[in-house]
Amino acid sequence: MLATPVILSHLLIAQVLQEGDLAVDATAGNGHDTLFLARKVGPRGKVYAFDIQEEAILKTRERLRQAGLEDRVVLLQKGHERLREYVPERIKAAMFNLGYLPGGDHKIVTRPSTTLAALEQVLEILEEGGLVSIVVYRGHEGGTEEGKELCSFVANLDHKKWDVVKIEHPNRSLESPFLIGIQKKVAGGS
């Protein structure tokens, strides 16, 4: 069986994120991606995790506590569009897992305007060779539009500076999730 977009996002990020690096989880949710990033950055690294919902922050905090990794993460109950106010340095990786909080209120969803604002900020502070993964869910109200706007945005990134991939299952529903990967090229690289 082929991997899901979430598993593929972890595989992509694992290729670039190393101990001591800084990373962002733009959508903490239930804390799975935050925990993954905290493990990868090690004791010398740092993860900034954002979510607007208190429930998500509490679940993420508990997941980190159980793993003994809470000291590696700065949890922020803030919208990811405010990322630059809280992340003062360059980062090696960022993860977005869009849509709604699984098990939470399905009316509270990510929105194209705030997601694109956050993505633009992430790209400004991404190190050369750094990577962004975005898992896009289209099955909720506004999800298809968010996916279209993201695809339009990444299609217009300068190919001399950015490598962009989109991975989806063409034999599944048009509402099934897909993955966007964005890597900042190394200056002088091909």
C-alpha atoms as a PDB file:
ATOM      1  CA  MET A   1       0.000   0.000   0.000  1.00  0.00           C
ATOM      2  CA  LEU A   2       1.258   3.465  -0.870  1.00  0.00           C
ATOM      3  CA  ALA A   3       1.769   5.942   1.919  1.00  0.00           C
ATOM      4  CA  THR A   4      -0.811   8.561   2.842  1.00  0.00           C
ATOM      5  CA  PRO A   5      -0.072  12.280   2.336  1.00  0.00           C
ATOM      6  CA  VAL A   6       0.658  12.615   6.074  1.00  0.00           C
ATOM      7  CA  ILE A   7       3.184   9.765   6.049  1.00  0.00           C
ATOM      8  CA  LEU A   8       4.759  11.163   2.887  1.00  0.00           C
ATOM      9  CA  SER A   9       5.044  14.587   4.549  1.00  0.00           C
ATOM     10  CA  HIS A  10       7.018  12.993   7.389  1.00  0.00           C
ATOM     11  CA  LEU A  11       9.279  11.195   4.917  1.00  0.00           C
ATOM     12  CA  LEU A  12      10.013  14.447   3.079  1.00  0.00           C
ATOM     13  CA  ILE A  13      10.706  16.449   6.234  1.00  0.00           C
ATOM     14  CA  ALA A  14      12.912  13.665   7.644  1.00  0.00           C
ATOM     15  CA  GLN A  15      15.234  14.113   4.650  1.00  0.00           C
ATOM     16  CA  VAL A  16      16.196  17.656   5.671  1.00  0.00           C
ATOM     17  CA  LEU A  17      15.485  18.178   9.379  1.00  0.00           C
ATOM     18  CA  GLN A  18      18.395  17.395  11.701  1.00  0.00           C
ATOM     19  CA  GLU A  19      19.230  17.650  15.372  1.00  0.00           C
ATOM     20  CA  GLY A  20      19.679  21.259  16.430  1.00  0.00           C
ATOM     21  CA  ASP A  21      17.432  22.656  13.686  1.00  0.00           C
ATOM     22  CA  LEU A  22      14.423  24.921  14.119  1.00  0.00           C
ATOM     23  CA  ALA A  23      11.023  23.929  12.747  1.00  0.00           C
ATOM     24  CA  VAL A  24       7.419  25.113  12.666  1.00  0.00           C
ATOM     25  CA  ASP A  25       4.195  23.166  12.985  1.00  0.00           C
ATOM     26  CA  ALA A  26       1.736  25.706  11.600  1.00  0.00           C
ATOM     27  CA  THR A  27      -1.294  23.596  12.575  1.00  0.00           C
ATOM     28  CA  ALA A  28      -0.611  21.710  15.819  1.00  0.00           C
ATOM     29  CA  GLY A  29      -3.962  19.893  15.912  1.00  0.00           C
ATOM     30  CA  ASN A  30      -3.675  16.716  17.967  1.00  0.00           C
ATOM     31  CA  GLY A  31       0.117  17.058  18.140  1.00  0.00           C
ATOM     32  CA  HIS A  32       1.278  14.233  15.877  1.00  0.00           C
ATOM     33  CA  ASP A  33       3.358  16.454  13.571  1.00  0.00           C
ATOM     34  CA  THR A  34       4.619  18.514  16.518  1.00  0.00           C
ATOM     35  CA  LEU A  35       5.847  15.346  18.236  1.00  0.00           C
ATOM     36  CA  PHE A  36       7.491  14.149  15.010  1.00  0.00           C
ATOM     37  CA  LEU A  37       9.306  17.480  14.637  1.00  0.00           C
ATOM     38  CA  ALA A  38      10.348  17.541  18.317  1.00  0.00           C
ATOM     39  CA  ARG A  39      11.938  14.110  17.949  1.00  0.00           C
ATOM     40  CA  LYS A  40      13.785  15.162  14.799  1.00  0.00           C
ATOM     41  CA  VAL A  41      15.245  18.432  16.157  1.00  0.00           C
ATOM     42  CA  GLY A  42      16.585  16.749  19.275  1.00  0.00           C
ATOM     43  CA  PRO A  43      17.502  18.420  22.567  1.00  0.00           C
ATOM     44  CA  ARG A  44      19.398  21.270  20.865  1.00  0.00           C
ATOM     45  CA  GLY A  45      16.600  22.138  18.433  1.00  0.00           C
ATOM     46  CA  LYS A  46      13.299  23.947  18.801  1.00  0.00           C
ATOM     47  CA  VAL A  47       9.793  23.620  17.371  1.00  0.00           C
ATOM     48  CA  TYR A  48       7.235  26.423  17.253  1.00  0.00           C
ATOM     49  CA  ALA A  49       3.709  24.963  17.147  1.00  0.00           C
ATOM     50  CA  PHE A  50       0.668  27.105  16.353  1.00  0.00           C
ATOM     51  CA  ASP A  51      -3.050  26.462  16.715  1.00  0.00           C
ATOM     52  CA  ILE A  52      -5.977  28.782  17.396  1.00  0.00           C
ATOM     53  CA  GLN A  53      -7.866  26.209  19.457  1.00  0.00           C
ATOM     54  CA  GLU A  54      -7.147  25.704  23.147  1.00  0.00           C
ATOM     55  CA  GLU A  55      -8.202  22.054  22.793  1.00  0.00           C
ATOM     56  CA  ALA A  56      -5.472  21.495  20.189  1.00  0.00           C
ATOM     57  CA  ILE A  57      -2.797  23.129  22.332  1.00  0.00           C
ATOM     58  CA  LEU A  58      -3.820  21.030  25.356  1.00  0.00           C
ATOM     59  CA  LYS A  59      -3.774  17.782  23.338  1.00  0.00           C
ATOM     60  CA  THR A  60      -0.409  18.645  21.829  1.00  0.00           C
ATOM     61  CA  ARG A  61       1.041  19.576  25.234  1.00  0.00           C
ATOM     62  CA  GLU A  62      -0.120  16.252  26.705  1.00  0.00           C
ATOM     63  CA  ARG A  63       1.311  14.264  23.779  1.00  0.00           C
ATOM     64  CA  LEU A  64       4.665  16.020  24.229  1.00  0.00           C
ATOM     65  CA  ARG A  65       4.569  15.548  28.013  1.00  0.00           C
ATOM     66  CA  GLN A  66       3.986  11.809  27.635  1.00  0.00           C
ATOM     67  CA  ALA A  67       7.013  11.626  25.330  1.00  0.00           C
ATOM     68  CA  GLY A  68       9.123  13.822  27.630  1.00  0.00           C
ATOM     69  CA  LEU A  69       9.716  16.362  24.863  1.00  0.00           C
ATOM     70  CA  GLU A  70       7.763  19.443  25.986  1.00  0.00           C
ATOM     71  CA  ASP A  71      10.979  21.420  26.549  1.00  0.00           C
ATOM     72  CA  ARG A  72      11.738  21.308  22.801  1.00  0.00           C
ATOM     73  CA  VAL A  73       8.490  23.008  21.773  1.00  0.00           C
ATOM     74  CA  VAL A  74       7.050  26.501  22.075  1.00  0.00           C
ATOM     75  CA  LEU A  75       3.250  26.083  21.991  1.00  0.00           C
ATOM     76  CA  LEU A  76       1.364  29.128  20.753  1.00  0.00           C
ATOM     77  CA  GLN A  77      -2.407  29.475  20.833  1.00  0.00           C
ATOM     78  CA  LYS A  78      -2.239  31.905  17.931  1.00  0.00           C
ATOM     79  CA  GLY A  79      -3.169  31.905  14.280  1.00  0.00           C
ATOM     80  CA  HIS A  80      -0.348  30.737  12.031  1.00  0.00           C
ATOM     81  CA  GLU A  81      -0.681  33.979  10.055  1.00  0.00           C
ATOM     82  CA  ARG A  82       1.069  35.634  13.042  1.00  0.00           C
ATOM     83  CA  LEU A  83       4.068  33.334  12.730  1.00  0.00           C
ATOM     84  CA  ARG A  84       6.725  36.026  12.206  1.00  0.00           C
ATOM     85  CA  GLU A  85       5.766  37.701  15.490  1.00  0.00           C
ATOM     86  CA  TYR A  86       6.920  34.588  17.356  1.00  0.00           C
ATOM     87  CA  VAL A  87       9.549  32.881  15.193  1.00  0.00           C
ATOM     88  CA  PRO A  88      12.592  35.174  15.229  1.00  0.00           C
ATOM     89  CA  GLU A  89      15.049  33.014  13.310  1.00  0.00           C
ATOM     90  CA  ARG A  90      15.521  30.954  10.192  1.00  0.00           C
ATOM     91  CA  ILE A  91      13.889  27.537  10.120  1.00  0.00           C
ATOM     92  CA  LYS A  92      14.784  24.296   8.373  1.00  0.00           C
ATOM     93  CA  ALA A  93      11.262  22.896   8.017  1.00  0.00           C
ATOM     94  CA  ALA A  94       7.593  23.688   8.386  1.00  0.00           C
ATOM     95  CA  MET A  95       4.509  21.502   8.342  1.00  0.00           C
ATOM     96  CA  PHE A  96       0.912  22.428   7.595  1.00  0.00           C
ATOM     97  CA  ASN A  97      -1.888  19.878   8.045  1.00  0.00           C
ATOM     98  CA  LEU A  98      -4.921  21.836   6.902  1.00  0.00           C
ATOM     99  CA  GLY A  99      -8.636  21.449   7.544  1.00  0.00           C
ATOM    100  CA  TYR A 100     -10.163  20.979  10.982  1.00  0.00           C
ATOM    101  CA  LEU A 101      -9.095  19.452  14.281  1.00  0.00           C
ATOM    102  CA  PRO A 102      -9.914  15.717  14.158  1.00  0.00           C
ATOM    103  CA  GLY A 103     -12.465  15.085  16.887  1.00  0.00           C
ATOM    104  CA  GLY A 104     -13.068  18.827  17.246  1.00  0.00           C
ATOM    105  CA  ASP A 105     -15.510  21.382  15.865  1.00  0.00           C
ATOM    106  CA  HIS A 106     -15.644  20.861  12.084  1.00  0.00           C
ATOM    107  CA  LYS A 107     -16.780  24.450  11.623  1.00  0.00           C
ATOM    108  CA  ILE A 108     -13.384  25.725  12.784  1.00  0.00           C
ATOM    109  CA  VAL A 109     -11.195  25.219   9.717  1.00  0.00           C
ATOM    110  CA  THR A 110      -8.106  26.666   8.120  1.00  0.00           C
ATOM    111  CA  ARG A 111      -8.791  29.447   5.623  1.00  0.00           C
ATOM    112  CA  PRO A 112      -6.972  30.341   2.402  1.00  0.00           C
ATOM    113  CA  SER A 113      -6.201  33.918   3.472  1.00  0.00           C
ATOM    114  CA  THR A 114      -4.492  32.971   6.744  1.00  0.00           C
ATOM    115  CA  THR A 115      -2.836  29.854   5.324  1.00  0.00           C
ATOM    116  CA  LEU A 116      -1.331  31.812   2.429  1.00  0.00           C
ATOM    117  CA  ALA A 117      -0.177  34.577   4.792  1.00  0.00           C
ATOM    118  CA  ALA A 118       1.520  31.969   6.995  1.00  0.00           C
ATOM    119  CA  LEU A 119       3.074  30.205   4.004  1.00  0.00           C
ATOM    120  CA  GLU A 120       4.519  33.468   2.680  1.00  0.00           C
ATOM    121  CA  GLN A 121       6.090  34.124   6.089  1.00  0.00           C
ATOM    122  CA  VAL A 122       7.500  30.596   6.281  1.00  0.00           C
ATOM    123  CA  LEU A 123       9.092  30.948   2.850  1.00  0.00           C
ATOM    124  CA  GLU A 124      10.751  34.217   3.961  1.00  0.00           C
ATOM    125  CA  ILE A 125      12.536  32.518   6.875  1.00  0.00           C
ATOM    126  CA  LEU A 126      13.184  29.085   5.354  1.00  0.00           C
ATOM    127  CA  GLU A 127      16.872  28.170   5.147  1.00  0.00           C
ATOM    128  CA  GLU A 128      18.413  27.057   1.872  1.00  0.00           C
ATOM    129  CA  GLY A 129      17.682  23.367   1.455  1.00  0.00           C
ATOM    130  CA  GLY A 130      14.767  23.704   3.884  1.00  0.00           C
ATOM    131  CA  LEU A 131      11.408  22.126   3.200  1.00  0.00           C
ATOM    132  CA  VAL A 132       7.721  22.867   3.732  1.00  0.00           C
ATOM    133  CA  SER A 133       5.036  20.177   3.650  1.00  0.00           C
ATOM    134  CA  ILE A 134       1.361  21.010   3.269  1.00  0.00           C
ATOM    135  CA  VAL A 135      -1.306  18.323   3.583  1.00  0.00           C
ATOM    136  CA  VAL A 136      -4.448  19.748   1.993  1.00  0.00           C
ATOM    137  CA  TYR A 137      -7.870  18.336   2.861  1.00  0.00           C
ATOM    138  CA  ARG A 138     -10.695  19.134   0.441  1.00  0.00           C
ATOM    139  CA  GLY A 139     -13.558  17.274   2.130  1.00  0.00           C
ATOM    140  CA  HIS A 140     -14.776  20.120   4.356  1.00  0.00           C
ATOM    141  CA  GLU A 141     -16.476  23.403   3.511  1.00  0.00           C
ATOM    142  CA  GLY A 142     -13.863  25.699   1.988  1.00  0.00           C
ATOM    143  CA  GLY A 143     -11.274  22.931   1.622  1.00  0.00           C
ATOM    144  CA  THR A 144     -11.459  22.678  -2.162  1.00  0.00           C
ATOM    145  CA  GLU A 145     -11.072  26.450  -2.525  1.00  0.00           C
ATOM    146  CA  GLU A 146      -8.133  26.465  -0.107  1.00  0.00           C
ATOM    147  CA  GLY A 147      -6.476  23.726  -2.161  1.00  0.00           C
ATOM    148  CA  LYS A 148      -6.993  25.630  -5.421  1.00  0.00           C
ATOM    149  CA  GLU A 149      -5.577  28.850  -3.980  1.00  0.00           C
ATOM    150  CA  LEU A 150      -2.535  27.052  -2.583  1.00  0.00           C
ATOM    151  CA  CYS A 151      -1.898  25.285  -5.891  1.00  0.00           C
ATOM    152  CA  SER A 152      -2.139  28.608  -7.731  1.00  0.00           C
ATOM    153  CA  PHE A 153       0.282  30.226  -5.273  1.00  0.00           C
ATOM    154  CA  VAL A 154       2.925  27.481  -5.435  1.00  0.00           C
ATOM    155  CA  ALA A 155       2.636  27.221  -9.230  1.00  0.00           C
ATOM    156  CA  ASN A 156       3.866  30.816  -9.381  1.00  0.00           C
ATOM    157  CA  LEU A 157       6.939  30.329  -7.179  1.00  0.00           C
ATOM    158  CA  ASP A 158      10.161  31.017  -9.098  1.00  0.00           C
ATOM    159  CA  HIS A 159      11.483  27.629 -10.255  1.00  0.00           C
ATOM    160  CA  LYS A 160      15.031  28.960 -10.011  1.00  0.00           C
ATOM    161  CA  LYS A 161      14.585  29.371  -6.243  1.00  0.00           C
ATOM    162  CA  TRP A 162      12.021  26.708  -5.339  1.00  0.00           C
ATOM    163  CA  ASP A 163      11.312  23.065  -6.106  1.00  0.00           C
ATOM    164  CA  VAL A 164       7.615  22.254  -5.753  1.00  0.00           C
ATOM    165  CA  VAL A 165       5.816  18.903  -5.927  1.00  0.00           C
ATOM    166  CA  LYS A 166       2.181  17.914  -5.601  1.00  0.00           C
ATOM    167  CA  ILE A 167       1.366  14.319  -4.704  1.00  0.00           C
ATOM    168  CA  GLU A 168      -2.166  12.984  -4.874  1.00  0.00           C
ATOM    169  CA  HIS A 169      -4.091   9.802  -5.583  1.00  0.00           C
ATOM    170  CA  PRO A 170      -5.717  10.286  -9.015  1.00  0.00           C
ATOM    171  CA  ASN A 171      -7.987   7.257  -8.563  1.00  0.00           C
ATOM    172  CA  ARG A 172      -9.648   8.569  -5.399  1.00  0.00           C
ATOM    173  CA  SER A 173     -12.353  11.104  -4.702  1.00  0.00           C
ATOM    174  CA  LEU A 174     -11.720  14.693  -5.723  1.00  0.00           C
ATOM    175  CA  GLU A 175     -12.153  15.454  -2.018  1.00  0.00           C
ATOM    176  CA  SER A 176      -9.261  13.218  -0.947  1.00  0.00           C
ATOM    177  CA  PRO A 177      -6.214  14.897   0.637  1.00  0.00           C
ATOM    178  CA  PHE A 178      -3.047  15.690  -1.268  1.00  0.00           C
ATOM    179  CA  LEU A 179       0.464  16.800  -0.386  1.00  0.00           C
ATOM    180  CA  ILE A 180       2.391  19.849  -1.531  1.00  0.00           C
ATOM    181  CA  GLY A 181       6.137  19.906  -0.892  1.00  0.00           C
ATOM    182  CA  ILE A 182       8.214  23.073  -1.319  1.00  0.00           C
ATOM    183  CA  GLN A 183      12.002  23.085  -1.032  1.00  0.00           C
ATOM    184  CA  LYS A 184      14.193  26.178  -1.123  1.00  0.00           C
ATOM    185  CA  LYS A 185      17.053  25.584  -3.510  1.00  0.00           C
ATOM    186  CA  VAL A 186      20.631  26.020  -2.374  1.00  0.00           C
ATOM    187  CA  ALA A 187      22.279  29.028  -4.044  1.00  0.00           C
ATOM    188  CA  GLY A 188      24.496  27.842  -6.865  1.00  0.00           C
ATOM    189  CA  GLY A 189      22.722  24.456  -6.916  1.00  0.00           C
ATOM    190  CA  SER A 190      20.733  23.099  -9.831  1.00  0.00           C
END
